[in-house]
Amino acid sequence: ISNWPFYPDSIKNMITSTRDNTSKEMEDLEEYEKRMVYYFPIPLIEKESFANKYAAEQKKRLKELGII
């Protein structure tokens, strides 16, 4: 983000803090998934397609916001 001088600090901080929160949420999600897999084994292919779909949605959202 440091190479985005045209972003005001407030937006820069917002994006950074969002990223920090997201990584924490992702850790929580991974822990949750580990527990859920124990109860409800999901086929790996299905899990990967979910991850790809999620990544595509995130990328689309960032494009809409003009971040990428």
Protein backbone atom coordinates (compact mmCIF):
# COMPACT_ATOMS: atom_id res chain seq x y z
CA ILE A 1 0.00 0.00 0.00
CA SER A 2 2.96 2.30 0.61
CA ASN A 3 3.33 2.65 -3.17
CA TRP A 4 -0.11 4.32 -3.37
CA PRO A 5 0.79 7.95 -2.62
CA PHE A 6 -2.48 9.18 -4.14
CA TYR A 7 -4.55 7.52 -1.40
CA PRO A 8 -5.35 9.73 1.59
CA ASP A 9 -4.01 8.37 4.89
CA SER A 10 -7.50 7.69 6.19
CA ILE A 11 -8.24 5.35 3.28
CA LYS A 12 -4.78 3.81 3.53
CA ASN A 13 -5.36 3.10 7.24
CA MET A 14 -8.83 1.78 6.55
CA ILE A 15 -7.51 -0.65 3.95
CA THR A 16 -4.63 -1.71 6.19
CA SER A 17 -6.85 -2.26 9.23
CA THR A 18 -9.34 -4.15 7.06
CA ARG A 19 -6.52 -6.36 5.87
CA ASP A 20 -5.42 -7.00 9.48
CA ASN A 21 -8.97 -7.86 10.50
CA THR A 22 -9.36 -10.06 7.46
CA SER A 23 -6.25 -12.07 8.29
CA LYS A 24 -7.62 -12.58 11.82
CA GLU A 25 -11.00 -13.59 10.39
CA MET A 26 -9.27 -15.96 7.98
CA GLU A 27 -7.42 -17.58 10.90
CA ASP A 28 -10.73 -17.97 12.71
CA LEU A 29 -12.30 -19.36 9.56
CA GLU A 30 -9.46 -21.87 9.15
CA GLU A 31 -9.90 -23.00 12.76
CA TYR A 32 -13.65 -23.26 12.17
CA GLU A 33 -13.09 -25.21 8.95
CA LYS A 34 -10.77 -27.65 10.72
CA ARG A 35 -13.49 -28.34 13.26
CA MET A 36 -16.23 -28.49 10.62
CA VAL A 37 -14.24 -30.90 8.46
CA TYR A 38 -14.15 -33.19 11.47
CA TYR A 39 -17.95 -33.18 11.60
CA PHE A 40 -18.80 -32.69 7.93
CA PRO A 41 -16.01 -33.88 5.62
CA ILE A 42 -16.14 -31.73 2.48
CA PRO A 43 -14.54 -33.15 -0.66
CA LEU A 44 -11.34 -31.24 -1.41
CA ILE A 45 -12.47 -30.33 -4.94
CA GLU A 46 -15.60 -28.68 -3.56
CA LYS A 47 -13.52 -26.77 -1.01
CA GLU A 48 -11.12 -25.53 -3.71
CA SER A 49 -13.95 -24.38 -5.96
CA PHE A 50 -15.42 -22.45 -3.01
CA ALA A 51 -12.04 -20.81 -2.40
CA ASN A 52 -11.68 -19.87 -6.08
CA LYS A 53 -15.21 -18.46 -6.17
CA TYR A 54 -14.51 -16.43 -3.02
CA ALA A 55 -11.22 -15.12 -4.45
CA ALA A 56 -12.96 -14.12 -7.70
CA GLU A 57 -15.66 -12.25 -5.76
CA GLN A 58 -13.03 -10.40 -3.71
CA LYS A 59 -11.11 -9.46 -6.86
CA LYS A 60 -14.31 -8.18 -8.48
CA ARG A 61 -15.11 -6.11 -5.38
CA LEU A 62 -11.61 -4.57 -5.34
CA LYS A 63 -11.94 -3.70 -9.05
CA GLU A 64 -15.31 -2.05 -8.40
CA LEU A 65 -13.72 0.01 -5.62
CA GLY A 66 -10.91 0.95 -8.00
CA ILE A 67 -8.22 -0.50 -5.73
CA ILE A 68 -6.87 -2.85 -8.39
